[in-house]
Amino acid sequence: MPPSQTIATLQALIQGRDPASGVPLPAESVLHRAEVLRALLAAVSALEQSAQRAQRRAQLPENVGRSWSETEQAALVAGFEAGESPAALAAKHGRTLRAIEARLERLGLLRPEQRTTRGGFAGVSDAPSRIRSRRTRSPSAARSARRARH
């Protein structure tokens, strides 16, 4: 049964109607209990969220979330050094622009201020966080900063 049909069936039950005929269910039906209605509402919500997640995922490039192979990383470096833009590299590698810029930064080919994207996840502000700035320091710089605070 497709998710949309499942949701329609659950919504009919929530409304106290037979999903097939639309006829109101008897007043003594278990479906009129508050805990059953809450469970049905939770199920509808979960199915809708799952459908939305699947829809968003379908719009992402094919390699989102996959590890970088040595071959792919070498091709990324070669393309960048040949003058290809990060956006073109993102399309070529089936990755997001954010992933391309993060990988180039990690490889030392792009400085943080050269990135057009910021943060690691949607909803993260453009201002670099204290946690992120600590991670980008070398271990010796981090030790020096800790000593200076104490």
N, C-alpha and C. Protein backbone atom coordinates (compact mmCIF):
# COMPACT_ATOMS: atom_id res chain seq x y z
N MET A 1 0.85 -1.17 0.00
CA MET A 1 0.00 0.00 0.00
C MET A 1 0.90 1.24 0.00
N PRO A 2 0.67 2.16 -0.92
CA PRO A 2 1.48 3.40 -0.96
C PRO A 2 1.26 4.24 0.29
N PRO A 3 2.28 4.99 0.70
CA PRO A 3 2.16 5.81 1.91
C PRO A 3 0.95 6.75 1.89
N SER A 4 0.64 7.33 0.74
CA SER A 4 -0.49 8.26 0.69
C SER A 4 -1.81 7.54 0.99
N GLN A 5 -1.94 6.32 0.54
CA GLN A 5 -3.15 5.53 0.81
C GLN A 5 -3.20 5.13 2.29
N THR A 6 -2.04 4.79 2.84
CA THR A 6 -1.97 4.45 4.27
C THR A 6 -2.39 5.65 5.12
N ILE A 7 -1.89 6.82 4.77
CA ILE A 7 -2.25 8.04 5.51
C ILE A 7 -3.74 8.31 5.39
N ALA A 8 -4.30 8.16 4.20
CA ALA A 8 -5.74 8.39 4.01
C ALA A 8 -6.55 7.41 4.86
N THR A 9 -6.12 6.16 4.94
CA THR A 9 -6.82 5.16 5.75
C THR A 9 -6.77 5.55 7.23
N LEU A 10 -5.59 5.92 7.70
CA LEU A 10 -5.44 6.32 9.10
C LEU A 10 -6.27 7.57 9.42
N GLN A 11 -6.31 8.52 8.51
CA GLN A 11 -7.08 9.74 8.74
C GLN A 11 -8.58 9.44 8.80
N ALA A 12 -9.04 8.51 7.98
CA ALA A 12 -10.45 8.11 8.05
C ALA A 12 -10.76 7.50 9.41
N LEU A 13 -9.85 6.67 9.91
CA LEU A 13 -10.06 6.05 11.23
C LEU A 13 -10.04 7.11 12.33
N ILE A 14 -9.15 8.09 12.22
CA ILE A 14 -9.09 9.18 13.19
C ILE A 14 -10.41 9.94 13.22
N GLN A 15 -11.02 10.11 12.07
CA GLN A 15 -12.30 10.81 11.96
C GLN A 15 -13.49 9.95 12.37
N GLY A 16 -13.18 8.69 12.72
CA GLY A 16 -14.24 7.79 13.17
C GLY A 16 -15.09 7.23 12.05
N ARG A 17 -14.48 7.06 10.89
CA ARG A 17 -15.21 6.54 9.72
C ARG A 17 -14.52 5.29 9.19
N ASP A 18 -15.31 4.43 8.58
CA ASP A 18 -14.78 3.24 7.91
C ASP A 18 -14.00 3.72 6.69
N PRO A 19 -12.73 3.34 6.55
CA PRO A 19 -11.92 3.83 5.42
C PRO A 19 -12.48 3.44 4.05
N ALA A 20 -13.12 2.30 3.94
CA ALA A 20 -13.63 1.83 2.65
C ALA A 20 -14.95 2.48 2.29
N SER A 21 -15.89 2.54 3.23
CA SER A 21 -17.23 3.02 2.91
C SER A 21 -17.49 4.46 3.34
N GLY A 22 -16.70 4.96 4.31
CA GLY A 22 -16.93 6.31 4.82
C GLY A 22 -18.02 6.38 5.86
N VAL A 23 -18.60 5.24 6.20
CA VAL A 23 -19.69 5.17 7.17
C VAL A 23 -19.11 5.39 8.57
N PRO A 24 -19.79 6.18 9.42
CA PRO A 24 -19.30 6.38 10.78
C PRO A 24 -19.21 5.05 11.53
N LEU A 25 -18.16 4.90 12.32
CA LEU A 25 -17.96 3.69 13.12
C LEU A 25 -18.83 3.77 14.38
N PRO A 26 -19.20 2.63 14.93
CA PRO A 26 -20.03 2.63 16.14
C PRO A 26 -19.35 3.38 17.29
N ALA A 27 -20.14 4.01 18.12
CA ALA A 27 -19.62 4.80 19.24
C ALA A 27 -18.80 3.97 20.21
N GLU A 28 -19.09 2.67 20.32
CA GLU A 28 -18.35 1.81 21.25
C GLU A 28 -17.06 1.26 20.64
N SER A 29 -16.72 1.68 19.43
CA SER A 29 -15.51 1.20 18.76
C SER A 29 -14.27 1.63 19.52
N VAL A 30 -13.28 0.76 19.54
CA VAL A 30 -12.00 1.04 20.20
C VAL A 30 -11.33 2.27 19.59
N LEU A 31 -11.64 2.60 18.36
CA LEU A 31 -11.01 3.74 17.68
C LEU A 31 -11.41 5.08 18.27
N HIS A 32 -12.40 5.10 19.13
CA HIS A 32 -12.83 6.35 19.76
C HIS A 32 -12.11 6.62 21.07
N ARG A 33 -11.22 5.72 21.48
CA ARG A 33 -10.45 5.92 22.71
C ARG A 33 -9.34 6.94 22.46
N ALA A 34 -9.08 7.76 23.45
CA ALA A 34 -8.08 8.82 23.31
C ALA A 34 -6.70 8.27 22.99
N GLU A 35 -6.29 7.20 23.69
CA GLU A 35 -4.94 6.65 23.46
C GLU A 35 -4.80 6.05 22.06
N VAL A 36 -5.89 5.51 21.53
CA VAL A 36 -5.86 4.95 20.17
C VAL A 36 -5.78 6.09 19.16
N LEU A 37 -6.53 7.14 19.39
CA LEU A 37 -6.48 8.30 18.48
C LEU A 37 -5.09 8.94 18.50
N ARG A 38 -4.50 9.06 19.69
CA ARG A 38 -3.13 9.61 19.77
C ARG A 38 -2.14 8.74 19.00
N ALA A 39 -2.29 7.43 19.11
CA ALA A 39 -1.39 6.52 18.38
C ALA A 39 -1.57 6.67 16.88
N LEU A 40 -2.81 6.79 16.43
CA LEU A 40 -3.08 6.97 14.99
C LEU A 40 -2.51 8.30 14.50
N LEU A 41 -2.66 9.35 15.29
CA LEU A 41 -2.10 10.66 14.91
C LEU A 41 -0.58 10.60 14.84
N ALA A 42 0.03 9.90 15.78
CA ALA A 42 1.50 9.75 15.77
C ALA A 42 1.94 8.97 14.52
N ALA A 43 1.18 7.97 14.15
CA ALA A 43 1.51 7.18 12.95
C ALA A 43 1.42 8.03 11.70
N VAL A 44 0.37 8.85 11.60
CA VAL A 44 0.22 9.74 10.44
C VAL A 44 1.39 10.71 10.38
N SER A 45 1.74 11.29 11.52
CA SER A 45 2.86 12.24 11.58
C SER A 45 4.17 11.58 11.15
N ALA A 46 4.43 10.38 11.62
CA ALA A 46 5.65 9.66 11.28
C ALA A 46 5.70 9.35 9.78
N LEU A 47 4.58 8.93 9.22
CA LEU A 47 4.53 8.63 7.78
C LEU A 47 4.75 9.89 6.95
N GLU A 48 4.18 11.00 7.37
CA GLU A 48 4.36 12.25 6.63
C GLU A 48 5.81 12.72 6.71
N GLN A 49 6.42 12.61 7.87
CA GLN A 49 7.83 13.00 8.01
C GLN A 49 8.73 12.11 7.15
N SER A 50 8.44 10.83 7.13
CA SER A 50 9.22 9.90 6.34
C SER A 50 9.11 10.23 4.85
N ALA A 51 7.92 10.55 4.40
CA ALA A 51 7.71 10.91 3.00
C ALA A 51 8.45 12.19 2.65
N GLN A 52 8.43 13.17 3.55
CA GLN A 52 9.14 14.43 3.32
C GLN A 52 10.65 14.20 3.26
N ARG A 53 11.16 13.35 4.15
CA ARG A 53 12.59 13.02 4.16
C ARG A 53 12.99 12.36 2.85
N ALA A 54 12.18 11.42 2.39
CA ALA A 54 12.47 10.72 1.14
C ALA A 54 12.45 11.68 -0.04
N GLN A 55 11.53 12.63 -0.01
CA GLN A 55 11.44 13.61 -1.08
C GLN A 55 12.68 14.52 -1.10
N ARG A 56 13.11 14.97 0.08
CA ARG A 56 14.33 15.80 0.15
C ARG A 56 15.55 15.00 -0.30
N ARG A 57 15.64 13.75 0.14
CA ARG A 57 16.78 12.90 -0.20
C ARG A 57 16.86 12.67 -1.72
N ALA A 58 15.71 12.55 -2.36
CA ALA A 58 15.68 12.32 -3.81
C ALA A 58 16.23 13.52 -4.58
N GLN A 59 16.22 14.68 -3.97
CA GLN A 59 16.70 15.88 -4.65
C GLN A 59 18.20 16.10 -4.47
N LEU A 60 18.84 15.32 -3.60
CA LEU A 60 20.27 15.47 -3.35
C LEU A 60 21.10 14.75 -4.41
N PRO A 61 22.34 15.18 -4.61
CA PRO A 61 23.22 14.48 -5.55
C PRO A 61 23.43 13.03 -5.12
N GLU A 62 23.78 12.19 -6.06
CA GLU A 62 23.87 10.73 -5.83
C GLU A 62 24.91 10.30 -4.81
N ASN A 63 25.98 11.04 -4.64
CA ASN A 63 27.06 10.60 -3.75
C ASN A 63 27.04 11.24 -2.36
N VAL A 64 25.94 11.90 -2.02
CA VAL A 64 25.84 12.54 -0.70
C VAL A 64 26.01 11.48 0.39
N GLY A 65 26.91 11.76 1.32
CA GLY A 65 27.12 10.86 2.46
C GLY A 65 28.09 9.73 2.22
N ARG A 66 28.52 9.53 1.00
CA ARG A 66 29.47 8.45 0.72
C ARG A 66 30.89 8.90 1.02
N SER A 67 31.72 7.95 1.40
CA SER A 67 33.13 8.23 1.66
C SER A 67 33.84 8.59 0.35
N TRP A 68 34.91 9.33 0.50
CA TRP A 68 35.72 9.70 -0.66
C TRP A 68 36.76 8.61 -0.90
N SER A 69 36.81 8.11 -2.11
CA SER A 69 37.86 7.14 -2.46
C SER A 69 39.11 7.93 -2.83
N GLU A 70 40.24 7.26 -2.80
CA GLU A 70 41.50 7.92 -3.18
C GLU A 70 41.42 8.41 -4.62
N THR A 71 40.82 7.60 -5.49
CA THR A 71 40.70 7.95 -6.91
C THR A 71 39.85 9.20 -7.08
N GLU A 72 38.70 9.24 -6.39
CA GLU A 72 37.82 10.39 -6.51
C GLU A 72 38.48 11.65 -5.94
N GLN A 73 39.17 11.49 -4.83
CA GLN A 73 39.86 12.63 -4.23
C GLN A 73 40.95 13.16 -5.17
N ALA A 74 41.68 12.25 -5.80
CA ALA A 74 42.73 12.67 -6.75
C ALA A 74 42.11 13.40 -7.94
N ALA A 75 40.96 12.92 -8.42
CA ALA A 75 40.27 13.59 -9.53
C ALA A 75 39.78 14.97 -9.10
N LEU A 76 39.32 15.10 -7.86
CA LEU A 76 38.89 16.40 -7.34
C LEU A 76 40.06 17.38 -7.33
N VAL A 77 41.19 16.94 -6.81
CA VAL A 77 42.38 17.80 -6.74
C VAL A 77 42.81 18.20 -8.16
N ALA A 78 42.86 17.25 -9.06
CA ALA A 78 43.27 17.54 -10.44
C ALA A 78 42.33 18.54 -11.10
N GLY A 79 41.03 18.35 -10.90
CA GLY A 79 40.05 19.27 -11.47
C GLY A 79 40.17 20.67 -10.90
N PHE A 80 40.36 20.76 -9.59
CA PHE A 80 40.49 22.07 -8.95
C PHE A 80 41.75 22.78 -9.41
N GLU A 81 42.86 22.01 -9.47
CA GLU A 81 44.12 22.61 -9.92
C GLU A 81 44.08 22.99 -11.39
N ALA A 82 43.20 22.34 -12.17
CA ALA A 82 43.04 22.68 -13.59
C ALA A 82 42.13 23.89 -13.78
N GLY A 83 41.56 24.41 -12.67
CA GLY A 83 40.75 25.61 -12.76
C GLY A 83 39.25 25.40 -12.75
N GLU A 84 38.80 24.17 -12.55
CA GLU A 84 37.36 23.94 -12.48
C GLU A 84 36.81 24.58 -11.21
N SER A 85 35.62 25.15 -11.33
CA SER A 85 35.00 25.79 -10.16
C SER A 85 34.47 24.73 -9.20
N PRO A 86 34.36 25.07 -7.92
CA PRO A 86 33.77 24.13 -6.97
C PRO A 86 32.36 23.68 -7.38
N ALA A 87 31.58 24.58 -7.96
CA ALA A 87 30.22 24.21 -8.39
C ALA A 87 30.28 23.17 -9.51
N ALA A 88 31.20 23.35 -10.45
CA ALA A 88 31.34 22.37 -11.55
C ALA A 88 31.84 21.03 -10.99
N LEU A 89 32.74 21.09 -10.03
CA LEU A 89 33.25 19.87 -9.42
C LEU A 89 32.15 19.14 -8.65
N ALA A 90 31.27 19.91 -8.01
CA ALA A 90 30.15 19.30 -7.27
C ALA A 90 29.25 18.52 -8.23
N ALA A 91 28.94 19.11 -9.37
CA ALA A 91 28.10 18.43 -10.36
C ALA A 91 28.81 17.20 -10.92
N LYS A 92 30.09 17.34 -11.20
CA LYS A 92 30.89 16.25 -11.77
C LYS A 92 31.00 15.06 -10.82
N HIS A 93 31.14 15.34 -9.51
CA HIS A 93 31.33 14.27 -8.53
C HIS A 93 30.04 13.81 -7.85
N GLY A 94 28.91 14.43 -8.19
CA GLY A 94 27.65 14.05 -7.57
C GLY A 94 27.65 14.34 -6.08
N ARG A 95 28.19 15.50 -5.71
CA ARG A 95 28.29 15.92 -4.32
C ARG A 95 27.71 17.32 -4.19
N THR A 96 27.48 17.75 -2.98
CA THR A 96 27.01 19.12 -2.77
C THR A 96 28.19 20.07 -2.83
N LEU A 97 27.90 21.34 -3.09
CA LEU A 97 28.94 22.36 -3.11
C LEU A 97 29.62 22.42 -1.75
N ARG A 98 28.83 22.30 -0.69
CA ARG A 98 29.38 22.33 0.66
C ARG A 98 30.39 21.20 0.86
N ALA A 99 30.08 20.01 0.35
CA ALA A 99 30.99 18.87 0.49
C ALA A 99 32.29 19.10 -0.29
N ILE A 100 32.18 19.66 -1.48
CA ILE A 100 33.37 19.92 -2.29
C ILE A 100 34.26 20.95 -1.59
N GLU A 101 33.65 22.03 -1.13
CA GLU A 101 34.44 23.06 -0.46
C GLU A 101 35.07 22.54 0.83
N ALA A 102 34.34 21.73 1.58
CA ALA A 102 34.88 21.17 2.82
C ALA A 102 36.06 20.25 2.52
N ARG A 103 35.95 19.43 1.46
CA ARG A 103 37.04 18.53 1.12
C ARG A 103 38.25 19.32 0.65
N LEU A 104 38.04 20.35 -0.17
CA LEU A 104 39.16 21.17 -0.65
C LEU A 104 39.83 21.90 0.52
N GLU A 105 39.03 22.35 1.48
CA GLU A 105 39.59 23.00 2.66
C GLU A 105 40.40 21.99 3.48
N ARG A 106 39.86 20.79 3.63
CA ARG A 106 40.56 19.75 4.40
C ARG A 106 41.89 19.39 3.74
N LEU A 107 41.92 19.43 2.42
CA LEU A 107 43.15 19.10 1.68
C LEU A 107 44.11 20.28 1.60
N GLY A 108 43.70 21.43 2.15
CA GLY A 108 44.58 22.60 2.15
C GLY A 108 44.59 23.36 0.84
N LEU A 109 43.62 23.11 -0.02
CA LEU A 109 43.56 23.79 -1.31
C LEU A 109 42.63 25.00 -1.30
N LEU A 110 41.87 25.14 -0.23
CA LEU A 110 40.92 26.24 -0.11
C LEU A 110 40.97 26.73 1.33
N ARG A 111 41.08 28.04 1.50
CA ARG A 111 41.07 28.60 2.86
C ARG A 111 39.62 28.80 3.30
N PRO A 112 39.36 28.75 4.60
CA PRO A 112 37.98 28.91 5.09
C PRO A 112 37.30 30.18 4.56
N GLU A 113 38.03 31.27 4.46
CA GLU A 113 37.41 32.52 3.98
C GLU A 113 37.10 32.49 2.48
N GLN A 114 37.62 31.51 1.75
CA GLN A 114 37.33 31.39 0.33
C GLN A 114 36.04 30.60 0.06
N ARG A 115 35.56 29.93 1.09
CA ARG A 115 34.34 29.13 0.91
C ARG A 115 33.13 30.02 0.69
N THR A 116 32.20 29.54 -0.12
CA THR A 116 30.94 30.24 -0.31
C THR A 116 29.87 29.66 0.61
N THR A 117 30.13 28.49 1.17
CA THR A 117 29.20 27.85 2.10
C THR A 117 29.80 27.89 3.49
N ARG A 118 28.95 27.84 4.48
CA ARG A 118 29.40 27.89 5.88
C ARG A 118 28.66 26.83 6.67
N GLY A 119 29.23 26.43 7.81
CA GLY A 119 28.57 25.50 8.71
C GLY A 119 28.55 24.09 8.16
N GLY A 120 28.20 23.14 9.01
CA GLY A 120 28.19 21.75 8.61
C GLY A 120 26.80 21.22 8.32
N PHE A 121 25.77 21.88 8.86
CA PHE A 121 24.41 21.38 8.72
C PHE A 121 23.49 22.55 8.48
N ALA A 122 22.34 22.27 7.89
CA ALA A 122 21.34 23.31 7.67
C ALA A 122 20.96 23.91 9.02
N GLY A 123 20.81 25.21 9.06
CA GLY A 123 20.42 25.87 10.29
C GLY A 123 21.58 26.37 11.11
N VAL A 124 22.81 26.03 10.73
CA VAL A 124 23.98 26.52 11.44
C VAL A 124 24.26 27.92 10.94
N SER A 125 24.52 28.84 11.83
CA SER A 125 24.73 30.23 11.42
C SER A 125 26.01 30.37 10.61
N ASP A 126 26.11 31.50 9.93
CA ASP A 126 27.31 31.76 9.12
C ASP A 126 28.51 32.13 9.96
N ALA A 127 28.29 32.54 11.19
CA ALA A 127 29.41 32.89 12.06
C ALA A 127 30.10 31.62 12.53
N PRO A 128 31.44 31.58 12.42
CA PRO A 128 32.13 30.37 12.89
C PRO A 128 31.96 30.22 14.39
N SER A 129 31.68 29.03 14.80
CA SER A 129 31.48 28.78 16.23
C SER A 129 32.83 28.62 16.92
N ARG A 130 32.82 28.73 18.25
CA ARG A 130 34.05 28.55 19.01
C ARG A 130 34.55 27.13 18.87
N ILE A 131 33.62 26.17 18.81
CA ILE A 131 34.03 24.77 18.70
C ILE A 131 34.75 24.55 17.37
N ARG A 132 34.19 25.09 16.29
CA ARG A 132 34.81 24.90 14.98
C ARG A 132 36.19 25.55 14.95
N SER A 133 36.32 26.76 15.51
CA SER A 133 37.62 27.42 15.45
C SER A 133 38.66 26.67 16.27
N ARG A 134 38.25 26.02 17.35
CA ARG A 134 39.22 25.22 18.12
C ARG A 134 39.70 24.02 17.33
N ARG A 135 38.78 23.40 16.59
CA ARG A 135 39.16 22.21 15.83
C ARG A 135 40.13 22.53 14.71
N THR A 136 40.11 23.76 14.21
CA THR A 136 40.99 24.09 13.09
C THR A 136 42.39 24.48 13.55
N ARG A 137 42.58 24.65 14.86
CA ARG A 137 43.91 24.97 15.37
C ARG A 137 44.78 23.72 15.42
N SER A 138 46.05 23.96 15.36
CA SER A 138 46.96 22.84 15.54
C SER A 138 46.95 22.46 17.02
N PRO A 139 47.34 21.24 17.36
CA PRO A 139 47.36 20.84 18.77
C PRO A 139 48.21 21.76 19.64
N SER A 140 49.35 22.21 19.13
CA SER A 140 50.20 23.09 19.94
C SER A 140 49.55 24.46 20.15
N ALA A 141 48.85 24.97 19.14
CA ALA A 141 48.15 26.25 19.28
C ALA A 141 47.02 26.12 20.29
N ALA A 142 46.34 25.00 20.29
CA ALA A 142 45.26 24.77 21.24
C ALA A 142 45.80 24.73 22.67
N ARG A 143 46.95 24.06 22.87
CA ARG A 143 47.58 24.01 24.20
C ARG A 143 47.97 25.41 24.66
N SER A 144 48.55 26.20 23.75
CA SER A 144 48.95 27.57 24.09
C SER A 144 47.75 28.41 24.49
N ALA A 145 46.64 28.26 23.78
CA ALA A 145 45.43 29.01 24.09
C ALA A 145 44.89 28.62 25.46
N ARG A 146 44.95 27.32 25.79
CA ARG A 146 44.48 26.87 27.10
C ARG A 146 45.36 27.44 28.22
N ARG A 147 46.68 27.45 27.99
CA ARG A 147 47.59 28.00 29.00
C ARG A 147 47.34 29.49 29.22
N ALA A 148 47.07 30.21 28.14
CA ALA A 148 46.85 31.65 28.23
C ALA A 148 45.58 31.97 29.02
N ARG A 149 44.60 31.09 28.95
CA ARG A 149 43.34 31.32 29.69
C ARG A 149 43.53 31.09 31.18
N HIS A 150 44.47 30.23 31.56
CA HIS A 150 44.62 29.85 32.97
C HIS A 150 45.68 30.64 33.64
